[in-house]
N, C-alpha and C. Protein backbone atom coordinates (compact mmCIF):
# COMPACT_ATOMS: atom_id res chain seq x y z
N MET A 1 -3.51 14.59 17.67
CA MET A 1 -3.79 15.31 16.44
C MET A 1 -4.54 14.38 15.48
N LYS A 2 -5.63 14.89 14.97
CA LYS A 2 -6.40 14.12 14.00
C LYS A 2 -5.76 14.26 12.62
N VAL A 3 -5.59 13.13 11.94
CA VAL A 3 -5.01 13.15 10.60
C VAL A 3 -6.13 13.44 9.61
N VAL A 4 -5.94 14.48 8.83
CA VAL A 4 -6.94 14.89 7.86
C VAL A 4 -6.53 14.39 6.48
N GLY A 5 -7.49 13.95 5.72
CA GLY A 5 -7.23 13.54 4.35
C GLY A 5 -7.89 12.23 4.04
N ILE A 6 -8.16 12.06 2.77
CA ILE A 6 -8.74 10.82 2.30
C ILE A 6 -7.79 10.17 1.29
N VAL A 7 -8.05 8.93 0.98
CA VAL A 7 -7.20 8.17 0.08
C VAL A 7 -7.06 8.85 -1.27
N ALA A 8 -8.14 9.45 -1.77
CA ALA A 8 -8.07 10.15 -3.06
C ALA A 8 -7.02 11.26 -3.02
N ASP A 9 -6.93 11.99 -1.90
CA ASP A 9 -5.91 13.04 -1.75
C ASP A 9 -4.51 12.43 -1.77
N LEU A 10 -4.34 11.35 -1.05
CA LEU A 10 -3.05 10.68 -0.97
C LEU A 10 -2.62 10.19 -2.35
N LEU A 11 -3.56 9.61 -3.10
CA LEU A 11 -3.23 9.12 -4.45
C LEU A 11 -2.90 10.26 -5.41
N ARG A 12 -3.59 11.40 -5.25
CA ARG A 12 -3.27 12.56 -6.09
C ARG A 12 -1.83 12.99 -5.84
N HIS A 13 -1.39 12.87 -4.61
CA HIS A 13 -0.04 13.28 -4.23
C HIS A 13 1.01 12.25 -4.69
N LYS A 14 0.76 10.97 -4.47
CA LYS A 14 1.77 9.93 -4.75
C LYS A 14 1.65 9.32 -6.13
N GLY A 15 0.45 9.37 -6.70
CA GLY A 15 0.23 8.76 -8.01
C GLY A 15 -0.61 7.51 -7.90
N HIS A 16 -1.11 7.07 -9.05
CA HIS A 16 -2.03 5.94 -9.11
C HIS A 16 -1.37 4.65 -9.61
N ALA A 17 -0.07 4.68 -9.86
CA ALA A 17 0.61 3.51 -10.43
C ALA A 17 0.48 2.31 -9.49
N VAL A 18 0.12 1.18 -10.07
CA VAL A 18 0.02 -0.07 -9.33
C VAL A 18 0.67 -1.16 -10.18
N TRP A 19 1.60 -1.88 -9.59
CA TRP A 19 2.21 -3.01 -10.28
C TRP A 19 1.49 -4.27 -9.83
N SER A 20 1.22 -5.14 -10.80
CA SER A 20 0.48 -6.36 -10.48
C SER A 20 1.12 -7.55 -11.18
N ILE A 21 0.68 -8.73 -10.75
CA ILE A 21 1.20 -9.96 -11.32
C ILE A 21 0.09 -11.01 -11.29
N SER A 22 0.20 -11.99 -12.16
CA SER A 22 -0.77 -13.08 -12.24
C SER A 22 -0.52 -14.08 -11.11
N PRO A 23 -1.56 -14.71 -10.61
CA PRO A 23 -1.37 -15.74 -9.59
C PRO A 23 -0.59 -16.95 -10.09
N ASP A 24 -0.56 -17.14 -11.41
CA ASP A 24 0.17 -18.27 -11.98
C ASP A 24 1.63 -17.97 -12.30
N ALA A 25 2.04 -16.72 -12.11
CA ALA A 25 3.45 -16.36 -12.32
C ALA A 25 4.30 -17.07 -11.25
N THR A 26 5.56 -17.24 -11.55
CA THR A 26 6.45 -17.86 -10.55
C THR A 26 6.87 -16.81 -9.51
N VAL A 27 7.25 -17.30 -8.37
CA VAL A 27 7.76 -16.42 -7.33
C VAL A 27 8.99 -15.68 -7.84
N HIS A 28 9.81 -16.36 -8.64
CA HIS A 28 10.99 -15.72 -9.21
C HIS A 28 10.59 -14.50 -10.05
N ASP A 29 9.54 -14.65 -10.86
CA ASP A 29 9.06 -13.52 -11.66
C ASP A 29 8.59 -12.37 -10.77
N ALA A 30 7.93 -12.70 -9.69
CA ALA A 30 7.44 -11.67 -8.77
C ALA A 30 8.61 -10.94 -8.09
N ILE A 31 9.60 -11.69 -7.66
CA ILE A 31 10.77 -11.09 -7.02
C ILE A 31 11.51 -10.19 -8.02
N LYS A 32 11.61 -10.66 -9.24
CA LYS A 32 12.26 -9.87 -10.29
C LYS A 32 11.52 -8.55 -10.51
N LEU A 33 10.18 -8.61 -10.53
CA LEU A 33 9.38 -7.39 -10.70
C LEU A 33 9.58 -6.43 -9.52
N LEU A 34 9.59 -6.97 -8.30
CA LEU A 34 9.83 -6.12 -7.12
C LEU A 34 11.17 -5.41 -7.25
N ALA A 35 12.19 -6.14 -7.66
CA ALA A 35 13.53 -5.56 -7.79
C ALA A 35 13.60 -4.53 -8.91
N GLU A 36 13.02 -4.86 -10.07
CA GLU A 36 13.05 -3.94 -11.21
C GLU A 36 12.35 -2.62 -10.92
N LYS A 37 11.24 -2.69 -10.22
CA LYS A 37 10.44 -1.49 -9.94
C LYS A 37 10.80 -0.84 -8.61
N ASN A 38 11.70 -1.47 -7.86
CA ASN A 38 12.12 -0.98 -6.55
C ASN A 38 10.91 -0.75 -5.63
N ILE A 39 10.08 -1.78 -5.54
CA ILE A 39 8.87 -1.72 -4.73
C ILE A 39 8.87 -2.88 -3.74
N GLY A 40 8.00 -2.79 -2.74
CA GLY A 40 7.95 -3.81 -1.70
C GLY A 40 6.85 -4.83 -1.87
N ALA A 41 5.90 -4.57 -2.78
CA ALA A 41 4.78 -5.49 -2.94
C ALA A 41 4.12 -5.28 -4.30
N VAL A 42 3.47 -6.34 -4.77
CA VAL A 42 2.66 -6.27 -5.98
C VAL A 42 1.28 -6.84 -5.66
N VAL A 43 0.29 -6.33 -6.36
CA VAL A 43 -1.06 -6.85 -6.23
C VAL A 43 -1.18 -8.06 -7.15
N VAL A 44 -1.77 -9.12 -6.64
CA VAL A 44 -1.99 -10.33 -7.43
C VAL A 44 -3.40 -10.25 -7.98
N LEU A 45 -3.50 -10.21 -9.32
CA LEU A 45 -4.79 -10.04 -9.99
C LEU A 45 -5.20 -11.30 -10.74
N ALA A 46 -6.48 -11.67 -10.58
CA ALA A 46 -7.09 -12.74 -11.35
C ALA A 46 -8.36 -12.15 -11.94
N ALA A 47 -8.48 -12.18 -13.26
CA ALA A 47 -9.63 -11.57 -13.96
C ALA A 47 -9.81 -10.11 -13.53
N ASP A 48 -8.70 -9.40 -13.45
CA ASP A 48 -8.67 -7.98 -13.09
C ASP A 48 -9.18 -7.67 -11.68
N LYS A 49 -9.23 -8.68 -10.83
CA LYS A 49 -9.66 -8.49 -9.43
C LYS A 49 -8.50 -8.86 -8.51
N PRO A 50 -8.25 -8.04 -7.49
CA PRO A 50 -7.18 -8.39 -6.55
C PRO A 50 -7.57 -9.59 -5.69
N ILE A 51 -6.71 -10.61 -5.71
CA ILE A 51 -6.97 -11.80 -4.89
C ILE A 51 -5.93 -11.96 -3.79
N GLY A 52 -4.91 -11.12 -3.82
CA GLY A 52 -3.87 -11.20 -2.81
C GLY A 52 -2.80 -10.17 -3.06
N ILE A 53 -1.85 -10.15 -2.14
CA ILE A 53 -0.68 -9.29 -2.23
C ILE A 53 0.54 -10.21 -2.11
N PHE A 54 1.55 -9.95 -2.95
CA PHE A 54 2.83 -10.64 -2.79
C PHE A 54 3.84 -9.58 -2.42
N SER A 55 4.49 -9.79 -1.26
CA SER A 55 5.42 -8.79 -0.76
C SER A 55 6.77 -9.41 -0.42
N GLU A 56 7.72 -8.54 -0.14
CA GLU A 56 9.03 -9.00 0.32
C GLU A 56 8.88 -9.84 1.58
N ARG A 57 7.94 -9.48 2.42
CA ARG A 57 7.67 -10.23 3.65
C ARG A 57 7.22 -11.65 3.31
N ASP A 58 6.35 -11.79 2.31
CA ASP A 58 5.91 -13.13 1.89
C ASP A 58 7.10 -13.94 1.39
N CYS A 59 7.99 -13.27 0.69
CA CYS A 59 9.15 -13.95 0.14
C CYS A 59 10.01 -14.54 1.25
N THR A 60 10.24 -13.78 2.31
CA THR A 60 11.09 -14.29 3.38
C THR A 60 10.36 -15.28 4.28
N ARG A 61 9.13 -14.99 4.63
CA ARG A 61 8.41 -15.84 5.59
C ARG A 61 7.78 -17.08 4.98
N ARG A 62 7.36 -16.99 3.73
CA ARG A 62 6.65 -18.13 3.14
C ARG A 62 7.49 -18.88 2.12
N VAL A 63 8.45 -18.22 1.50
CA VAL A 63 9.23 -18.87 0.45
C VAL A 63 10.58 -19.32 1.00
N ALA A 64 11.40 -18.38 1.42
CA ALA A 64 12.75 -18.71 1.87
C ALA A 64 12.74 -19.60 3.11
N LEU A 65 11.90 -19.28 4.07
CA LEU A 65 11.86 -20.04 5.32
C LEU A 65 11.49 -21.50 5.10
N HIS A 66 10.64 -21.77 4.10
CA HIS A 66 10.20 -23.14 3.83
C HIS A 66 11.00 -23.81 2.71
N GLY A 67 11.95 -23.09 2.15
CA GLY A 67 12.83 -23.67 1.14
C GLY A 67 12.18 -23.93 -0.20
N TYR A 68 11.14 -23.16 -0.53
CA TYR A 68 10.49 -23.34 -1.84
C TYR A 68 11.42 -22.92 -2.97
N ASP A 69 11.29 -23.58 -4.09
CA ASP A 69 12.04 -23.24 -5.30
C ASP A 69 11.30 -22.08 -5.97
N THR A 70 11.95 -20.93 -6.05
CA THR A 70 11.29 -19.74 -6.60
C THR A 70 10.96 -19.87 -8.08
N HIS A 71 11.65 -20.78 -8.78
CA HIS A 71 11.39 -20.97 -10.20
C HIS A 71 10.21 -21.90 -10.45
N LYS A 72 9.80 -22.67 -9.44
CA LYS A 72 8.70 -23.62 -9.59
C LYS A 72 7.45 -23.22 -8.81
N THR A 73 7.64 -22.49 -7.73
CA THR A 73 6.51 -22.11 -6.87
C THR A 73 5.72 -20.98 -7.52
N ARG A 74 4.41 -21.13 -7.56
CA ARG A 74 3.52 -20.11 -8.13
C ARG A 74 3.17 -19.09 -7.05
N VAL A 75 2.99 -17.86 -7.48
CA VAL A 75 2.65 -16.77 -6.58
C VAL A 75 1.42 -17.11 -5.75
N LYS A 76 0.42 -17.73 -6.37
CA LYS A 76 -0.84 -18.04 -5.67
C LYS A 76 -0.64 -18.96 -4.47
N GLU A 77 0.49 -19.65 -4.43
CA GLU A 77 0.77 -20.56 -3.32
C GLU A 77 1.28 -19.85 -2.07
N VAL A 78 1.73 -18.61 -2.22
CA VAL A 78 2.40 -17.93 -1.10
C VAL A 78 1.91 -16.50 -0.85
N ILE A 79 0.80 -16.11 -1.49
CA ILE A 79 0.33 -14.73 -1.33
C ILE A 79 -0.35 -14.52 0.02
N SER A 80 -0.42 -13.26 0.40
CA SER A 80 -1.20 -12.86 1.57
C SER A 80 -2.62 -12.62 1.10
N ALA A 81 -3.55 -13.36 1.67
CA ALA A 81 -4.95 -13.24 1.29
C ALA A 81 -5.79 -13.56 2.53
N PRO A 82 -7.01 -13.08 2.62
CA PRO A 82 -7.72 -12.29 1.62
C PRO A 82 -7.19 -10.85 1.58
N VAL A 83 -7.55 -10.15 0.55
CA VAL A 83 -7.11 -8.78 0.36
C VAL A 83 -8.04 -7.83 1.12
N ILE A 84 -7.43 -6.94 1.87
CA ILE A 84 -8.18 -5.88 2.53
C ILE A 84 -8.05 -4.66 1.62
N THR A 85 -9.17 -4.11 1.17
CA THR A 85 -9.13 -2.98 0.24
C THR A 85 -9.78 -1.75 0.87
N VAL A 86 -9.50 -0.61 0.26
CA VAL A 86 -10.14 0.65 0.62
C VAL A 86 -10.65 1.30 -0.65
N THR A 87 -11.42 2.35 -0.48
CA THR A 87 -11.90 3.15 -1.60
C THR A 87 -11.24 4.52 -1.53
N PRO A 88 -11.33 5.31 -2.59
CA PRO A 88 -10.77 6.66 -2.54
C PRO A 88 -11.41 7.53 -1.45
N GLU A 89 -12.60 7.16 -1.00
CA GLU A 89 -13.30 7.95 0.02
C GLU A 89 -12.88 7.60 1.45
N HIS A 90 -12.18 6.50 1.65
CA HIS A 90 -11.70 6.16 3.00
C HIS A 90 -10.73 7.24 3.47
N THR A 91 -10.68 7.43 4.78
CA THR A 91 -9.74 8.40 5.34
C THR A 91 -8.37 7.76 5.54
N VAL A 92 -7.37 8.59 5.69
CA VAL A 92 -6.04 8.09 6.00
C VAL A 92 -6.07 7.38 7.35
N GLU A 93 -6.85 7.89 8.28
CA GLU A 93 -7.00 7.22 9.58
C GLU A 93 -7.61 5.83 9.40
N ASP A 94 -8.59 5.69 8.50
CA ASP A 94 -9.16 4.37 8.21
C ASP A 94 -8.06 3.41 7.76
N CYS A 95 -7.18 3.89 6.91
CA CYS A 95 -6.08 3.06 6.41
C CYS A 95 -5.18 2.62 7.56
N MET A 96 -4.83 3.54 8.44
CA MET A 96 -3.98 3.19 9.57
C MET A 96 -4.65 2.13 10.44
N ARG A 97 -5.94 2.30 10.70
CA ARG A 97 -6.67 1.35 11.52
C ARG A 97 -6.72 -0.03 10.87
N LEU A 98 -7.04 -0.07 9.57
CA LEU A 98 -7.11 -1.35 8.86
C LEU A 98 -5.76 -2.05 8.81
N MET A 99 -4.71 -1.30 8.56
CA MET A 99 -3.37 -1.88 8.51
C MET A 99 -2.98 -2.47 9.86
N THR A 100 -3.33 -1.76 10.92
CA THR A 100 -3.02 -2.25 12.26
C THR A 100 -3.86 -3.47 12.62
N GLU A 101 -5.17 -3.38 12.41
CA GLU A 101 -6.07 -4.48 12.75
C GLU A 101 -5.76 -5.77 12.01
N HIS A 102 -5.43 -5.65 10.73
CA HIS A 102 -5.23 -6.82 9.89
C HIS A 102 -3.76 -7.18 9.69
N ARG A 103 -2.88 -6.38 10.30
CA ARG A 103 -1.43 -6.61 10.22
C ARG A 103 -0.96 -6.70 8.76
N VAL A 104 -1.40 -5.72 7.97
CA VAL A 104 -1.00 -5.64 6.56
C VAL A 104 -0.28 -4.31 6.33
N ARG A 105 0.49 -4.26 5.28
CA ARG A 105 1.25 -3.05 4.96
C ARG A 105 0.85 -2.42 3.64
N HIS A 106 -0.09 -3.07 2.93
CA HIS A 106 -0.53 -2.56 1.63
C HIS A 106 -2.03 -2.73 1.49
N LEU A 107 -2.68 -1.69 1.00
CA LEU A 107 -4.12 -1.71 0.77
C LEU A 107 -4.42 -1.32 -0.67
N PRO A 108 -4.89 -2.25 -1.49
CA PRO A 108 -5.34 -1.87 -2.82
C PRO A 108 -6.54 -0.92 -2.72
N VAL A 109 -6.58 0.05 -3.61
CA VAL A 109 -7.66 1.03 -3.63
C VAL A 109 -8.59 0.68 -4.78
N MET A 110 -9.85 0.43 -4.45
CA MET A 110 -10.85 0.02 -5.44
C MET A 110 -11.90 1.11 -5.60
N GLN A 111 -12.22 1.40 -6.84
CA GLN A 111 -13.35 2.28 -7.16
C GLN A 111 -14.33 1.41 -7.94
N GLY A 112 -15.36 0.97 -7.24
CA GLY A 112 -16.24 -0.03 -7.83
C GLY A 112 -15.46 -1.31 -8.01
N ASP A 113 -15.44 -1.84 -9.23
CA ASP A 113 -14.69 -3.07 -9.53
C ASP A 113 -13.30 -2.80 -10.07
N LYS A 114 -12.89 -1.53 -10.11
CA LYS A 114 -11.62 -1.18 -10.74
C LYS A 114 -10.54 -0.85 -9.71
N LEU A 115 -9.36 -1.44 -9.90
CA LEU A 115 -8.20 -1.15 -9.07
C LEU A 115 -7.62 0.19 -9.51
N VAL A 116 -7.60 1.19 -8.62
CA VAL A 116 -7.17 2.53 -9.01
C VAL A 116 -5.92 3.01 -8.27
N GLY A 117 -5.39 2.19 -7.38
CA GLY A 117 -4.19 2.60 -6.66
C GLY A 117 -3.82 1.60 -5.59
N LEU A 118 -2.73 1.90 -4.91
CA LEU A 118 -2.24 1.07 -3.82
C LEU A 118 -1.66 1.99 -2.76
N VAL A 119 -2.07 1.80 -1.53
CA VAL A 119 -1.57 2.60 -0.41
C VAL A 119 -0.71 1.70 0.46
N SER A 120 0.51 2.15 0.73
CA SER A 120 1.42 1.38 1.59
C SER A 120 1.53 2.06 2.95
N ILE A 121 2.07 1.35 3.90
CA ILE A 121 2.30 1.92 5.22
C ILE A 121 3.23 3.12 5.11
N GLY A 122 4.19 3.06 4.19
CA GLY A 122 5.10 4.19 3.98
C GLY A 122 4.36 5.42 3.47
N ASP A 123 3.39 5.22 2.58
CA ASP A 123 2.59 6.33 2.08
C ASP A 123 1.83 7.00 3.22
N VAL A 124 1.25 6.17 4.09
CA VAL A 124 0.47 6.69 5.22
C VAL A 124 1.38 7.45 6.18
N VAL A 125 2.54 6.89 6.49
CA VAL A 125 3.48 7.56 7.40
C VAL A 125 3.92 8.90 6.82
N ASN A 126 4.25 8.92 5.53
CA ASN A 126 4.65 10.18 4.89
C ASN A 126 3.53 11.21 4.93
N TRP A 127 2.29 10.76 4.73
CA TRP A 127 1.13 11.66 4.79
C TRP A 127 1.00 12.27 6.19
N VAL A 128 1.11 11.44 7.20
CA VAL A 128 0.98 11.90 8.59
C VAL A 128 2.10 12.90 8.93
N ILE A 129 3.32 12.59 8.54
CA ILE A 129 4.45 13.49 8.80
C ILE A 129 4.21 14.83 8.11
N SER A 130 3.77 14.79 6.88
CA SER A 130 3.49 16.03 6.14
C SER A 130 2.38 16.84 6.80
N ALA A 131 1.32 16.15 7.24
CA ALA A 131 0.21 16.84 7.90
C ALA A 131 0.66 17.47 9.21
N GLN A 132 1.50 16.77 9.97
CA GLN A 132 2.00 17.32 11.23
C GLN A 132 2.91 18.52 10.98
N SER A 133 3.74 18.42 9.96
CA SER A 133 4.64 19.52 9.62
C SER A 133 3.84 20.77 9.23
N THR A 134 2.81 20.59 8.43
CA THR A 134 1.95 21.70 8.01
C THR A 134 1.26 22.33 9.22
N ALA A 135 0.75 21.50 10.11
CA ALA A 135 0.07 22.00 11.31
C ALA A 135 1.04 22.78 12.19
N LEU A 136 2.27 22.31 12.35
CA LEU A 136 3.27 23.02 13.14
C LEU A 136 3.63 24.37 12.51
N GLN A 137 3.78 24.38 11.19
CA GLN A 137 4.10 25.64 10.51
C GLN A 137 2.97 26.65 10.69
N GLN A 138 1.72 26.18 10.61
CA GLN A 138 0.58 27.08 10.79
C GLN A 138 0.53 27.62 12.22
N MET A 139 0.82 26.78 13.20
CA MET A 139 0.82 27.23 14.59
C MET A 139 1.94 28.25 14.83
N GLU A 140 3.13 27.98 14.26
CA GLU A 140 4.24 28.91 14.40
C GLU A 140 3.91 30.25 13.76
N SER A 141 3.28 30.23 12.60
CA SER A 141 2.88 31.47 11.93
C SER A 141 1.85 32.22 12.75
N TYR A 142 0.92 31.51 13.34
CA TYR A 142 -0.12 32.14 14.16
C TYR A 142 0.49 32.78 15.40
N ILE A 143 1.38 32.06 16.06
CA ILE A 143 2.01 32.57 17.29
C ILE A 143 2.87 33.78 16.99
N SER A 144 3.55 33.75 15.86
CA SER A 144 4.44 34.88 15.52
C SER A 144 3.70 36.04 14.87
N GLY A 145 2.38 35.91 14.70
CA GLY A 145 1.59 36.99 14.13
C GLY A 145 1.58 37.03 12.61
N GLN A 146 2.08 36.01 11.97
CA GLN A 146 2.15 35.99 10.51
C GLN A 146 0.96 35.29 9.88
N TYR A 147 0.13 34.66 10.69
CA TYR A 147 -1.00 33.87 10.17
C TYR A 147 -2.09 34.82 9.71
N PRO A 148 -2.58 34.65 8.47
CA PRO A 148 -3.62 35.55 7.96
C PRO A 148 -4.94 35.33 8.72
N GLY A 149 -5.60 36.41 9.05
CA GLY A 149 -6.91 36.31 9.69
C GLY A 149 -6.82 36.71 11.06
């Protein structure tokens, strides 16, 4: 089944909110933000441009595993970079391919030079599940004679 939809559709459904942090913030500040907002990652912005992603995965693999002090370590020392971005015109399938190829779970959405959203692997999975559910409902309606046309 081909997944239909573009990033702009996904953002209209989930919203455009993006949480970000400075590369000079401490890891402790980043972890605190993740916990307060109940999110898995933040975009690291320098001069309003995404330079990396800081995620729970970075916290465990780069901070905890190496014994860094979260109060002294700066986010820029442990971020995932370079940033792989998409535009609102990219397809949901493009997002799945990029996430798989680059082994990332978050894609900042850029419109020109402006950050306009963030797509996570969870957003993509939810979109695919919803699309499959809609397709099944349409097939069931067609088979039962309820489909218009």
